[in-house]
Each structure stands twice: as structure tokens, then as C-alpha cells.
Amino acid sequence: MLKTHKIALDPNNVQATQFAQHCGYARVAYNHVLADFKDGLDNDEWRSHIELNKRFNAIKRDTYEWCSQLNQRAAHNAIYFNFQDAIKRWKSGQSLFPKFKKRSKGQRFQADAGRGTT
């Protein structure tokens, strides 16, 4: 028999602000690489998620100065897991072309279960 534990987060104001910032950072990273991917398709180029991640890392400190204080794995995971999965589903015909993420009440980001993570 499998047992699970459901844990509800009850963050204080500082923690809720950090969660919102990380969600926004993941959304910005996803939207940036999606726009870059679309530009590549318009120019008949296929850009892999690895190349898109390198391109995002090259410009993020100049374009998004506020991101340096946040956990960089939030953006990395948004690109390597969410974006890659969306493209894979689109290529297989399982879903439509990925859409840009927008601000919403149910924002999400994926953190690593390691040292110094939220």
C-alpha cells in the first residue's frame, strides 16, 4: 500500500513575496525562450531548449537585472521541463503550439529539493 502526505504551505508575507517573485521569474524565462523559439521558426531554424537556455543566460543579467537575487533553478526548470515538454507535445500532435504564460492566481514554479532552495 502506498501512503502519501499532503502538505499545505502557509507562507508569511515575506515568503509569499519570494514565491511570487520566483513564479514571475519562471514565467519570464518561459516566455522569453518561447518568443526566441518562434523567431527561430520564422527564420526556418530549429532551436533546441539547450541552445535557448544558453541564449537566455547570455542576456538575462542585462535585460532582467532583478533576477540575480533569485534562485536561478526556477528559470532553468521552466525551460528544461515546462518548455521542453510543451514543444514535445506540440511536435507529437498531442497539443497545440505553446502559448505565452500570463500572470494568474495559480502561478507555479519548480524548485529543486536541494540546499538553499525555497
PDB file of N, CA and C in Angstrom:
ATOM      1  N   MET A   1       0.837  -1.164   0.000  1.00  0.00           N
ATOM      2  CA  MET A   1       0.000   0.000   0.000  1.00  0.00           C
ATOM      3  C   MET A   1       0.897   1.248   0.000  1.00  0.00           C
ATOM      4  N   LEU A   2       0.558   2.198  -0.845  1.00  0.00           N
ATOM      5  CA  LEU A   2       1.296   3.451  -0.912  1.00  0.00           C
ATOM      6  C   LEU A   2       0.634   4.484  -0.021  1.00  0.00           C
ATOM      7  N   LYS A   3       1.441   5.217   0.705  1.00  0.00           N
ATOM      8  CA  LYS A   3       0.926   6.290   1.541  1.00  0.00           C
ATOM      9  C   LYS A   3       1.501   7.604   1.037  1.00  0.00           C
ATOM     10  N   THR A   4       0.702   8.627   1.099  1.00  0.00           N
ATOM     11  CA  THR A   4       1.169   9.944   0.680  1.00  0.00           C
ATOM     12  C   THR A   4       0.912  10.946   1.787  1.00  0.00           C
ATOM     13  N   HIS A   5       1.628  12.027   1.711  1.00  0.00           N
ATOM     14  CA  HIS A   5       1.435  13.129   2.644  1.00  0.00           C
ATOM     15  C   HIS A   5       1.135  14.368   1.824  1.00  0.00           C
ATOM     16  N   LYS A   6       0.082  15.037   2.179  1.00  0.00           N
ATOM     17  CA  LYS A   6      -0.265  16.285   1.522  1.00  0.00           C
ATOM     18  C   LYS A   6       0.103  17.411   2.478  1.00  0.00           C
ATOM     19  N   ILE A   7       0.918  18.322   2.001  1.00  0.00           N
ATOM     20  CA  ILE A   7       1.400  19.399   2.846  1.00  0.00           C
ATOM     21  C   ILE A   7       0.904  20.718   2.268  1.00  0.00           C
ATOM     22  N   ALA A   8       0.257  21.506   3.093  1.00  0.00           N
ATOM     23  CA  ALA A   8      -0.223  22.819   2.672  1.00  0.00           C
ATOM     24  C   ALA A   8       0.777  23.872   3.140  1.00  0.00           C
ATOM     25  N   LEU A   9       1.141  24.759   2.248  1.00  0.00           N
ATOM     26  CA  LEU A   9       2.043  25.847   2.610  1.00  0.00           C
ATOM     27  C   LEU A   9       1.225  26.997   3.173  1.00  0.00           C
ATOM     28  N   ASP A  10       1.713  27.568   4.239  1.00  0.00           N
ATOM     29  CA  ASP A  10       1.072  28.741   4.827  1.00  0.00           C
ATOM     30  C   ASP A  10       2.149  29.809   4.994  1.00  0.00           C
ATOM     31  N   PRO A  11       2.547  30.450   3.880  1.00  0.00           N
ATOM     32  CA  PRO A  11       3.669  31.389   3.945  1.00  0.00           C
ATOM     33  C   PRO A  11       3.285  32.710   4.603  1.00  0.00           C
ATOM     34  N   ASN A  12       4.275  33.325   5.256  1.00  0.00           N
ATOM     35  CA  ASN A  12       4.059  34.676   5.757  1.00  0.00           C
ATOM     36  C   ASN A  12       4.243  35.650   4.590  1.00  0.00           C
ATOM     37  N   ASN A  13       4.165  36.941   4.839  1.00  0.00           N
ATOM     38  CA  ASN A  13       4.217  37.929   3.752  1.00  0.00           C
ATOM     39  C   ASN A  13       5.547  37.910   3.002  1.00  0.00           C
ATOM     40  N   VAL A  14       6.639  37.755   3.712  1.00  0.00           N
ATOM     41  CA  VAL A  14       7.961  37.736   3.068  1.00  0.00           C
ATOM     42  C   VAL A  14       8.094  36.502   2.178  1.00  0.00           C
ATOM     43  N   GLN A  15       7.672  35.358   2.687  1.00  0.00           N
ATOM     44  CA  GLN A  15       7.751  34.124   1.910  1.00  0.00           C
ATOM     45  C   GLN A  15       6.820  34.172   0.703  1.00  0.00           C
ATOM     46  N   ALA A  16       5.618  34.722   0.874  1.00  0.00           N
ATOM     47  CA  ALA A  16       4.677  34.837  -0.243  1.00  0.00           C
ATOM     48  C   ALA A  16       5.246  35.737  -1.334  1.00  0.00           C
ATOM     49  N   THR A  17       5.943  36.793  -0.932  1.00  0.00           N
ATOM     50  CA  THR A  17       6.583  37.680  -1.905  1.00  0.00           C
ATOM     51  C   THR A  17       7.674  36.941  -2.663  1.00  0.00           C
ATOM     52  N   GLN A  18       8.469  36.148  -1.951  1.00  0.00           N
ATOM     53  CA  GLN A  18       9.519  35.372  -2.619  1.00  0.00           C
ATOM     54  C   GLN A  18       8.926  34.352  -3.580  1.00  0.00           C
ATOM     55  N   PHE A  19       7.870  33.690  -3.179  1.00  0.00           N
ATOM     56  CA  PHE A  19       7.211  32.738  -4.072  1.00  0.00           C
ATOM     57  C   PHE A  19       6.724  33.438  -5.337  1.00  0.00           C
ATOM     58  N   ALA A  20       6.105  34.607  -5.168  1.00  0.00           N
ATOM     59  CA  ALA A  20       5.586  35.349  -6.321  1.00  0.00           C
ATOM     60  C   ALA A  20       6.720  35.788  -7.243  1.00  0.00           C
ATOM     61  N   GLN A  21       7.847  36.207  -6.666  1.00  0.00           N
ATOM     62  CA  GLN A  21       8.988  36.620  -7.483  1.00  0.00           C
ATOM     63  C   GLN A  21       9.549  35.447  -8.279  1.00  0.00           C
ATOM     64  N   HIS A  22       9.663  34.306  -7.653  1.00  0.00           N
ATOM     65  CA  HIS A  22      10.172  33.128  -8.352  1.00  0.00           C
ATOM     66  C   HIS A  22       9.204  32.664  -9.435  1.00  0.00           C
ATOM     67  N   CYS A  23       7.913  32.746  -9.161  1.00  0.00           N
ATOM     68  CA  CYS A  23       6.921  32.397 -10.189  1.00  0.00           C
ATOM     69  C   CYS A  23       7.030  33.345 -11.375  1.00  0.00           C
ATOM     70  N   GLY A  24       7.208  34.632 -11.091  1.00  0.00           N
ATOM     71  CA  GLY A  24       7.362  35.606 -12.156  1.00  0.00           C
ATOM     72  C   GLY A  24       8.627  35.382 -12.961  1.00  0.00           C
ATOM     73  N   TYR A  25       9.696  35.016 -12.282  1.00  0.00           N
ATOM     74  CA  TYR A  25      10.958  34.748 -12.967  1.00  0.00           C
ATOM     75  C   TYR A  25      10.827  33.535 -13.882  1.00  0.00           C
ATOM     76  N   ALA A  26      10.178  32.489 -13.408  1.00  0.00           N
ATOM     77  CA  ALA A  26       9.970  31.297 -14.235  1.00  0.00           C
ATOM     78  C   ALA A  26       9.095  31.634 -15.442  1.00  0.00           C
ATOM     79  N   ARG A  27       8.076  32.464 -15.237  1.00  0.00           N
ATOM     80  CA  ARG A  27       7.190  32.863 -16.335  1.00  0.00           C
ATOM     81  C   ARG A  27       7.941  33.695 -17.367  1.00  0.00           C
ATOM     82  N   VAL A  28       8.768  34.628 -16.907  1.00  0.00           N
ATOM     83  CA  VAL A  28       9.553  35.467 -17.819  1.00  0.00           C
ATOM     84  C   VAL A  28      10.523  34.612 -18.633  1.00  0.00           C
ATOM     85  N   ALA A  29      11.175  33.661 -17.983  1.00  0.00           N
ATOM     86  CA  ALA A  29      12.120  32.785 -18.691  1.00  0.00           C
ATOM     87  C   ALA A  29      11.394  31.963 -19.750  1.00  0.00           C
ATOM     88  N   TYR A  30      10.267  31.388 -19.389  1.00  0.00           N
ATOM     89  CA  TYR A  30       9.482  30.578 -20.326  1.00  0.00           C
ATOM     90  C   TYR A  30       9.034  31.427 -21.518  1.00  0.00           C
ATOM     91  N   ASN A  31       8.486  32.606 -21.243  1.00  0.00           N
ATOM     92  CA  ASN A  31       8.003  33.473 -22.320  1.00  0.00           C
ATOM     93  C   ASN A  31       9.140  33.954 -23.211  1.00  0.00           C
ATOM     94  N   HIS A  32      10.295  34.226 -22.609  1.00  0.00           N
ATOM     95  CA  HIS A  32      11.435  34.686 -23.408  1.00  0.00           C
ATOM     96  C   HIS A  32      11.902  33.602 -24.376  1.00  0.00           C
ATOM     97  N   VAL A  33      12.059  32.379 -23.886  1.00  0.00           N
ATOM     98  CA  VAL A  33      12.534  31.316 -24.776  1.00  0.00           C
ATOM     99  C   VAL A  33      11.463  30.929 -25.791  1.00  0.00           C
ATOM    100  N   LEU A  34      10.190  31.055 -25.437  1.00  0.00           N
ATOM    101  CA  LEU A  34       9.134  30.783 -26.413  1.00  0.00           C
ATOM    102  C   LEU A  34       9.176  31.813 -27.543  1.00  0.00           C
ATOM    103  N   ALA A  35       9.376  33.089 -27.203  1.00  0.00           N
ATOM    104  CA  ALA A  35       9.491  34.127 -28.235  1.00  0.00           C
ATOM    105  C   ALA A  35      10.723  33.884 -29.107  1.00  0.00           C
ATOM    106  N   ASP A  36      11.826  33.499 -28.484  1.00  0.00           N
ATOM    107  CA  ASP A  36      13.055  33.193 -29.225  1.00  0.00           C
ATOM    108  C   ASP A  36      12.847  31.981 -30.130  1.00  0.00           C
ATOM    109  N   PHE A  37      12.148  30.984 -29.638  1.00  0.00           N
ATOM    110  CA  PHE A  37      11.858  29.783 -30.428  1.00  0.00           C
ATOM    111  C   PHE A  37      10.977  30.130 -31.632  1.00  0.00           C
ATOM    112  N   LYS A  38       9.968  30.986 -31.408  1.00  0.00           N
ATOM    113  CA  LYS A  38       9.091  31.412 -32.509  1.00  0.00           C
ATOM    114  C   LYS A  38       9.875  32.183 -33.564  1.00  0.00           C
ATOM    115  N   ASP A  39      10.788  33.059 -33.121  1.00  0.00           N
ATOM    116  CA  ASP A  39      11.628  33.793 -34.075  1.00  0.00           C
ATOM    117  C   ASP A  39      12.477  32.832 -34.895  1.00  0.00           C
ATOM    118  N   GLY A  40      12.993  31.810 -34.251  1.00  0.00           N
ATOM    119  CA  GLY A  40      13.778  30.808 -34.966  1.00  0.00           C
ATOM    120  C   GLY A  40      12.946  30.067 -35.997  1.00  0.00           C
ATOM    121  N   LEU A  41      11.719  29.718 -35.637  1.00  0.00           N
ATOM    122  CA  LEU A  41      10.845  29.031 -36.595  1.00  0.00           C
ATOM    123  C   LEU A  41      10.515  29.926 -37.785  1.00  0.00           C
ATOM    124  N   ASP A  42      10.332  31.228 -37.523  1.00  0.00           N
ATOM    125  CA  ASP A  42      10.061  32.165 -38.616  1.00  0.00           C
ATOM    126  C   ASP A  42      11.241  32.261 -39.578  1.00  0.00           C
ATOM    127  N   ASN A  43      12.452  32.039 -39.066  1.00  0.00           N
ATOM    128  CA  ASN A  43      13.661  32.077 -39.899  1.00  0.00           C
ATOM    129  C   ASN A  43      14.103  30.686 -40.334  1.00  0.00           C
ATOM    130  N   ASP A  44      13.219  29.716 -40.229  1.00  0.00           N
ATOM    131  CA  ASP A  44      13.496  28.319 -40.601  1.00  0.00           C
ATOM    132  C   ASP A  44      14.665  27.725 -39.823  1.00  0.00           C
ATOM    133  N   GLU A  45      14.755  28.055 -38.547  1.00  0.00           N
ATOM    134  CA  GLU A  45      15.772  27.496 -37.654  1.00  0.00           C
ATOM    135  C   GLU A  45      15.071  26.712 -36.563  1.00  0.00           C
ATOM    136  N   TRP A  46      15.620  25.564 -36.219  1.00  0.00           N
ATOM    137  CA  TRP A  46      15.112  24.810 -35.078  1.00  0.00           C
ATOM    138  C   TRP A  46      16.089  25.004 -33.926  1.00  0.00           C
ATOM    139  N   ARG A  47      15.636  25.659 -32.870  1.00  0.00           N
ATOM    140  CA  ARG A  47      16.487  25.917 -31.714  1.00  0.00           C
ATOM    141  C   ARG A  47      16.092  24.968 -30.589  1.00  0.00           C
ATOM    142  N   SER A  48      17.052  24.231 -30.091  1.00  0.00           N
ATOM    143  CA  SER A  48      16.777  23.288 -29.007  1.00  0.00           C
ATOM    144  C   SER A  48      16.643  24.043 -27.686  1.00  0.00           C
ATOM    145  N   HIS A  49      16.078  23.379 -26.699  1.00  0.00           N
ATOM    146  CA  HIS A  49      15.927  24.014 -25.393  1.00  0.00           C
ATOM    147  C   HIS A  49      17.288  24.311 -24.762  1.00  0.00           C
ATOM    148  N   ILE A  50      18.298  23.539 -25.113  1.00  0.00           N
ATOM    149  CA  ILE A  50      19.639  23.790 -24.582  1.00  0.00           C
ATOM    150  C   ILE A  50      20.200  25.085 -25.165  1.00  0.00           C
ATOM    151  N   GLU A  51      20.050  25.249 -26.465  1.00  0.00           N
ATOM    152  CA  GLU A  51      20.518  26.479 -27.114  1.00  0.00           C
ATOM    153  C   GLU A  51      19.724  27.683 -26.616  1.00  0.00           C
ATOM    154  N   LEU A  52      18.419  27.520 -26.458  1.00  0.00           N
ATOM    155  CA  LEU A  52      17.586  28.616 -25.973  1.00  0.00           C
ATOM    156  C   LEU A  52      17.963  28.999 -24.545  1.00  0.00           C
ATOM    157  N   ASN A  53      18.294  28.024 -23.728  1.00  0.00           N
ATOM    158  CA  ASN A  53      18.718  28.308 -22.358  1.00  0.00           C
ATOM    159  C   ASN A  53      20.029  29.087 -22.355  1.00  0.00           C
ATOM    160  N   LYS A  54      20.965  28.723 -23.219  1.00  0.00           N
ATOM    161  CA  LYS A  54      22.235  29.447 -23.312  1.00  0.00           C
ATOM    162  C   LYS A  54      22.002  30.884 -23.767  1.00  0.00           C
ATOM    163  N   ARG A  55      21.100  31.067 -24.727  1.00  0.00           N
ATOM    164  CA  ARG A  55      20.801  32.415 -25.218  1.00  0.00           C
ATOM    165  C   ARG A  55      20.140  33.254 -24.126  1.00  0.00           C
ATOM    166  N   PHE A  56      19.256  32.635 -23.348  1.00  0.00           N
ATOM    167  CA  PHE A  56      18.605  33.348 -22.248  1.00  0.00           C
ATOM    168  C   PHE A  56      19.628  33.721 -21.177  1.00  0.00           C
ATOM    169  N   ASN A  57      20.524  32.797 -20.835  1.00  0.00           N
ATOM    170  CA  ASN A  57      21.541  33.077 -19.818  1.00  0.00           C
ATOM    171  C   ASN A  57      22.479  34.197 -20.248  1.00  0.00           C
ATOM    172  N   ALA A  58      22.710  34.322 -21.549  1.00  0.00           N
ATOM    173  CA  ALA A  58      23.619  35.354 -22.049  1.00  0.00           C
ATOM    174  C   ALA A  58      23.048  36.760 -21.878  1.00  0.00           C
ATOM    175  N   ILE A  59      21.729  36.898 -21.889  1.00  0.00           N
ATOM    176  CA  ILE A  59      21.144  38.244 -21.835  1.00  0.00           C
ATOM    177  C   ILE A  59      20.394  38.546 -20.545  1.00  0.00           C
ATOM    178  N   LYS A  60      20.183  37.563 -19.692  1.00  0.00           N
ATOM    179  CA  LYS A  60      19.289  37.773 -18.553  1.00  0.00           C
ATOM    180  C   LYS A  60      19.817  38.790 -17.549  1.00  0.00           C
ATOM    181  N   ARG A  61      21.102  38.872 -17.339  1.00  0.00           N
ATOM    182  CA  ARG A  61      21.621  39.806 -16.339  1.00  0.00           C
ATOM    183  C   ARG A  61      21.535  41.256 -16.808  1.00  0.00           C
ATOM    184  N   ASP A  62      21.574  41.475 -18.118  1.00  0.00           N
ATOM    185  CA  ASP A  62      21.429  42.833 -18.643  1.00  0.00           C
ATOM    186  C   ASP A  62      19.966  43.223 -18.786  1.00  0.00           C
ATOM    187  N   THR A  63      19.162  42.306 -19.285  1.00  0.00           N
ATOM    188  CA  THR A  63      17.755  42.604 -19.547  1.00  0.00           C
ATOM    189  C   THR A  63      16.906  42.523 -18.286  1.00  0.00           C
ATOM    190  N   TYR A  64      17.146  41.528 -17.480  1.00  0.00           N
ATOM    191  CA  TYR A  64      16.358  41.305 -16.263  1.00  0.00           C
ATOM    192  C   TYR A  64      17.292  41.385 -15.058  1.00  0.00           C
ATOM    193  N   GLU A  65      17.620  42.611 -14.658  1.00  0.00           N
ATOM    194  CA  GLU A  65      18.592  42.817 -13.585  1.00  0.00           C
ATOM    195  C   GLU A  65      18.094  42.289 -12.246  1.00  0.00           C
ATOM    196  N   TRP A  66      16.788  42.286 -12.055  1.00  0.00           N
ATOM    197  CA  TRP A  66      16.199  41.857 -10.793  1.00  0.00           C
ATOM    198  C   TRP A  66      16.336  40.352 -10.565  1.00  0.00           C
ATOM    199  N   CYS A  67      16.682  39.601 -11.599  1.00  0.00           N
ATOM    200  CA  CYS A  67      16.725  38.143 -11.467  1.00  0.00           C
ATOM    201  C   CYS A  67      17.955  37.640 -10.728  1.00  0.00           C
ATOM    202  N   SER A  68      18.953  38.475 -10.537  1.00  0.00           N
ATOM    203  CA  SER A  68      20.192  37.997  -9.917  1.00  0.00           C
ATOM    204  C   SER A  68      19.998  37.617  -8.451  1.00  0.00           C
ATOM    205  N   GLN A  69      18.962  38.141  -7.806  1.00  0.00           N
ATOM    206  CA  GLN A  69      18.724  37.837  -6.397  1.00  0.00           C
ATOM    207  C   GLN A  69      17.902  36.569  -6.206  1.00  0.00           C
ATOM    208  N   LEU A  70      17.399  35.996  -7.290  1.00  0.00           N
ATOM    209  CA  LEU A  70      16.508  34.841  -7.192  1.00  0.00           C
ATOM    210  C   LEU A  70      17.243  33.545  -7.503  1.00  0.00           C
ATOM    211  N   ASN A  71      16.629  32.449  -7.136  1.00  0.00           N
ATOM    212  CA  ASN A  71      17.180  31.127  -7.408  1.00  0.00           C
ATOM    213  C   ASN A  71      17.146  30.878  -8.914  1.00  0.00           C
ATOM    214  N   GLN A  72      18.310  30.663  -9.506  1.00  0.00           N
ATOM    215  CA  GLN A  72      18.411  30.520 -10.955  1.00  0.00           C
ATOM    216  C   GLN A  72      17.798  29.223 -11.461  1.00  0.00           C
ATOM    217  N   ARG A  73      17.581  28.270 -10.573  1.00  0.00           N
ATOM    218  CA  ARG A  73      16.984  27.000 -10.988  1.00  0.00           C
ATOM    219  C   ARG A  73      15.514  27.162 -11.352  1.00  0.00           C
ATOM    220  N   ALA A  74      14.857  28.214 -10.894  1.00  0.00           N
ATOM    221  CA  ALA A  74      13.458  28.439 -11.262  1.00  0.00           C
ATOM    222  C   ALA A  74      13.354  28.659 -12.772  1.00  0.00           C
ATOM    223  N   ALA A  75      14.243  29.471 -13.328  1.00  0.00           N
ATOM    224  CA  ALA A  75      14.245  29.706 -14.775  1.00  0.00           C
ATOM    225  C   ALA A  75      14.731  28.473 -15.520  1.00  0.00           C
ATOM    226  N   HIS A  76      15.764  27.845 -15.004  1.00  0.00           N
ATOM    227  CA  HIS A  76      16.313  26.645 -15.635  1.00  0.00           C
ATOM    228  C   HIS A  76      15.241  25.556 -15.749  1.00  0.00           C
ATOM    229  N   ASN A  77      14.514  25.324 -14.674  1.00  0.00           N
ATOM    230  CA  ASN A  77      13.477  24.293 -14.687  1.00  0.00           C
ATOM    231  C   ASN A  77      12.305  24.672 -15.579  1.00  0.00           C
ATOM    232  N   ALA A  78      11.983  25.966 -15.657  1.00  0.00           N
ATOM    233  CA  ALA A  78      10.911  26.401 -16.552  1.00  0.00           C
ATOM    234  C   ALA A  78      11.274  26.107 -18.003  1.00  0.00           C
ATOM    235  N   ILE A  79      12.549  26.242 -18.342  1.00  0.00           N
ATOM    236  CA  ILE A  79      12.998  25.991 -19.713  1.00  0.00           C
ATOM    237  C   ILE A  79      13.169  24.496 -19.963  1.00  0.00           C
ATOM    238  N   TYR A  80      13.872  23.815 -19.069  1.00  0.00           N
ATOM    239  CA  TYR A  80      14.213  22.412 -19.301  1.00  0.00           C
ATOM    240  C   TYR A  80      13.043  21.465 -19.105  1.00  0.00           C
ATOM    241  N   PHE A  81      12.093  21.808 -18.263  1.00  0.00           N
ATOM    242  CA  PHE A  81      10.972  20.904 -18.032  1.00  0.00           C
ATOM    243  C   PHE A  81       9.696  21.397 -18.715  1.00  0.00           C
ATOM    244  N   ASN A  82       9.250  22.602 -18.369  1.00  0.00           N
ATOM    245  CA  ASN A  82       7.971  23.092 -18.890  1.00  0.00           C
ATOM    246  C   ASN A  82       8.026  23.369 -20.390  1.00  0.00           C
ATOM    247  N   PHE A  83       9.025  24.138 -20.821  1.00  0.00           N
ATOM    248  CA  PHE A  83       9.108  24.495 -22.236  1.00  0.00           C
ATOM    249  C   PHE A  83       9.401  23.273 -23.097  1.00  0.00           C
ATOM    250  N   GLN A  84      10.339  22.460 -22.675  1.00  0.00           N
ATOM    251  CA  GLN A  84      10.691  21.274 -23.455  1.00  0.00           C
ATOM    252  C   GLN A  84       9.492  20.338 -23.580  1.00  0.00           C
ATOM    253  N   ASP A  85       8.729  20.173 -22.507  1.00  0.00           N
ATOM    254  CA  ASP A  85       7.548  19.314 -22.546  1.00  0.00           C
ATOM    255  C   ASP A  85       6.487  19.891 -23.480  1.00  0.00           C
ATOM    256  N   ALA A  86       6.308  21.216 -23.458  1.00  0.00           N
ATOM    257  CA  ALA A  86       5.322  21.851 -24.334  1.00  0.00           C
ATOM    258  C   ALA A  86       5.686  21.662 -25.806  1.00  0.00           C
ATOM    259  N   ILE A  87       6.956  21.787 -26.137  1.00  0.00           N
ATOM    260  CA  ILE A  87       7.398  21.602 -27.522  1.00  0.00           C
ATOM    261  C   ILE A  87       7.263  20.140 -27.932  1.00  0.00           C
ATOM    262  N   LYS A  88       7.608  19.233 -27.025  1.00  0.00           N
ATOM    263  CA  LYS A  88       7.498  17.805 -27.319  1.00  0.00           C
ATOM    264  C   LYS A  88       6.036  17.418 -27.595  1.00  0.00           C
ATOM    265  N   ARG A  89       5.123  17.962 -26.802  1.00  0.00           N
ATOM    266  CA  ARG A  89       3.694  17.678 -27.000  1.00  0.00           C
ATOM    267  C   ARG A  89       3.202  18.270 -28.322  1.00  0.00           C
ATOM    268  N   TRP A  90       3.697  19.450 -28.671  1.00  0.00           N
ATOM    269  CA  TRP A  90       3.288  20.085 -29.929  1.00  0.00           C
ATOM    270  C   TRP A  90       3.796  19.281 -31.123  1.00  0.00           C
ATOM    271  N   LYS A  91       5.056  18.832 -31.052  1.00  0.00           N
ATOM    272  CA  LYS A  91       5.626  18.058 -32.158  1.00  0.00           C
ATOM    273  C   LYS A  91       4.900  16.731 -32.362  1.00  0.00           C
ATOM    274  N   SER A  92       4.452  16.116 -31.278  1.00  0.00           N
ATOM    275  CA  SER A  92       3.783  14.817 -31.397  1.00  0.00           C
ATOM    276  C   SER A  92       2.312  14.956 -31.776  1.00  0.00           C
ATOM    277  N   GLY A  93       1.797  16.179 -31.829  1.00  0.00           N
ATOM    278  CA  GLY A  93       0.401  16.392 -32.177  1.00  0.00           C
ATOM    279  C   GLY A  93      -0.545  16.226 -30.999  1.00  0.00           C
ATOM    280  N   GLN A  94       0.011  16.105 -29.817  1.00  0.00           N
ATOM    281  CA  GLN A  94      -0.799  15.901 -28.620  1.00  0.00           C
ATOM    282  C   GLN A  94      -1.485  17.195 -28.177  1.00  0.00           C
ATOM    283  N   SER A  95      -0.881  18.343 -28.498  1.00  0.00           N
ATOM    284  CA  SER A  95      -1.477  19.620 -28.125  1.00  0.00           C
ATOM    285  C   SER A  95      -1.123  20.672 -29.171  1.00  0.00           C
ATOM    286  N   LEU A  96      -1.710  21.837 -29.021  1.00  0.00           N
ATOM    287  CA  LEU A  96      -1.451  22.939 -29.940  1.00  0.00           C
ATOM    288  C   LEU A  96      -0.105  23.587 -29.613  1.00  0.00           C
ATOM    289  N   PHE A  97       0.280  24.554 -30.453  1.00  0.00           N
ATOM    290  CA  PHE A  97       1.537  25.262 -30.223  1.00  0.00           C
ATOM    291  C   PHE A  97       1.474  25.955 -28.861  1.00  0.00           C
ATOM    292  N   PRO A  98       2.580  25.958 -28.121  1.00  0.00           N
ATOM    293  CA  PRO A  98       2.577  26.545 -26.774  1.00  0.00           C
ATOM    294  C   PRO A  98       2.199  28.022 -26.785  1.00  0.00           C
ATOM    295  N   LYS A  99       1.527  28.430 -25.731  1.00  0.00           N
ATOM    296  CA  LYS A  99       1.119  29.825 -25.567  1.00  0.00           C
ATOM    297  C   LYS A  99       1.989  30.475 -24.508  1.00  0.00           C
ATOM    298  N   PHE A 100       2.032  31.798 -24.561  1.00  0.00           N
ATOM    299  CA  PHE A 100       2.760  32.540 -23.548  1.00  0.00           C
ATOM    300  C   PHE A 100       2.031  32.409 -22.218  1.00  0.00           C
ATOM    301  N   LYS A 101       2.816  32.324 -21.148  1.00  0.00           N
ATOM    302  CA  LYS A 101       2.225  32.255 -19.813  1.00  0.00           C
ATOM    303  C   LYS A 101       1.871  33.668 -19.384  1.00  0.00           C
ATOM    304  N   LYS A 102       0.761  33.797 -18.684  1.00  0.00           N
ATOM    305  CA  LYS A 102       0.340  35.103 -18.205  1.00  0.00           C
ATOM    306  C   LYS A 102       0.237  35.086 -16.689  1.00  0.00           C
ATOM    307  N   ARG A 103       0.187  36.264 -16.121  1.00  0.00           N
ATOM    308  CA  ARG A 103       0.030  36.356 -14.678  1.00  0.00           C
ATOM    309  C   ARG A 103      -1.348  35.835 -14.314  1.00  0.00           C
ATOM    310  N   SER A 104      -1.380  34.999 -13.326  1.00  0.00           N
ATOM    311  CA  SER A 104      -2.664  34.470 -12.882  1.00  0.00           C
ATOM    312  C   SER A 104      -2.571  34.149 -11.398  1.00  0.00           C
ATOM    313  N   LYS A 105      -3.695  33.773 -10.849  1.00  0.00           N
ATOM    314  CA  LYS A 105      -3.726  33.462  -9.424  1.00  0.00           C
ATOM    315  C   LYS A 105      -2.963  32.171  -9.130  1.00  0.00           C
ATOM    316  N   GLY A 106      -3.027  31.217 -10.018  1.00  0.00           N
ATOM    317  CA  GLY A 106      -2.404  29.917  -9.784  1.00  0.00           C
ATOM    318  C   GLY A 106      -1.036  29.785 -10.414  1.00  0.00           C
ATOM    319  N   GLN A 107      -0.114  30.682 -10.096  1.00  0.00           N
ATOM    320  CA  GLN A 107       1.226  30.617 -10.674  1.00  0.00           C
ATOM    321  C   GLN A 107       2.024  29.492 -10.028  1.00  0.00           C
ATOM    322  N   ARG A 108       2.961  28.947 -10.798  1.00  0.00           N
ATOM    323  CA  ARG A 108       3.775  27.833 -10.307  1.00  0.00           C
ATOM    324  C   ARG A 108       5.221  27.996 -10.755  1.00  0.00           C
ATOM    325  N   PHE A 109       6.109  27.448  -9.957  1.00  0.00           N
ATOM    326  CA  PHE A 109       7.492  27.280 -10.371  1.00  0.00           C
ATOM    327  C   PHE A 109       8.000  26.014  -9.711  1.00  0.00           C
ATOM    328  N   GLN A 110       9.038  25.463 -10.283  1.00  0.00           N
ATOM    329  CA  GLN A 110       9.582  24.207  -9.782  1.00  0.00           C
ATOM    330  C   GLN A 110      10.946  24.478  -9.175  1.00  0.00           C
ATOM    331  N   ALA A 111      11.080  24.154  -7.906  1.00  0.00           N
ATOM    332  CA  ALA A 111      12.357  24.329  -7.223  1.00  0.00           C
ATOM    333  C   ALA A 111      12.989  22.968  -7.010  1.00  0.00           C
ATOM    334  N   ASP A 112      14.288  22.946  -6.972  1.00  0.00           N
ATOM    335  CA  ASP A 112      14.987  21.701  -6.682  1.00  0.00           C
ATOM    336  C   ASP A 112      14.940  21.445  -5.182  1.00  0.00           C
ATOM    337  N   ALA A 113      14.901  20.209  -4.815  1.00  0.00           N
ATOM    338  CA  ALA A 113      14.889  19.844  -3.401  1.00  0.00           C
ATOM    339  C   ALA A 113      16.318  19.719  -2.909  1.00  0.00           C
ATOM    340  N   GLY A 114      17.013  20.803  -2.955  1.00  0.00           N
ATOM    341  CA  GLY A 114      18.414  20.791  -2.562  1.00  0.00           C
ATOM    342  C   GLY A 114      18.715  21.897  -1.578  1.00  0.00           C
ATOM    343  N   ARG A 115      19.975  22.109  -1.379  1.00  0.00           N
ATOM    344  CA  ARG A 115      20.430  23.099  -0.429  1.00  0.00           C
ATOM    345  C   ARG A 115      20.134  24.507  -0.930  1.00  0.00           C
ATOM    346  N   GLY A 116      19.624  25.354  -0.064  1.00  0.00           N
ATOM    347  CA  GLY A 116      19.398  26.744  -0.414  1.00  0.00           C
ATOM    348  C   GLY A 116      18.218  26.984  -1.329  1.00  0.00           C
ATOM    349  N   THR A 117      17.266  26.072  -1.369  1.00  0.00           N
ATOM    350  CA  THR A 117      16.089  26.271  -2.209  1.00  0.00           C
ATOM    351  C   THR A 117      14.908  26.676  -1.353  1.00  0.00           C
ATOM    352  N   THR A 118      13.917  27.202  -2.003  1.00  0.00           N
ATOM    353  CA  THR A 118      12.729  27.679  -1.305  1.00  0.00           C
ATOM    354  C   THR A 118      11.792  26.540  -1.012  1.00  0.00           C
TER     355      THR A 118
END
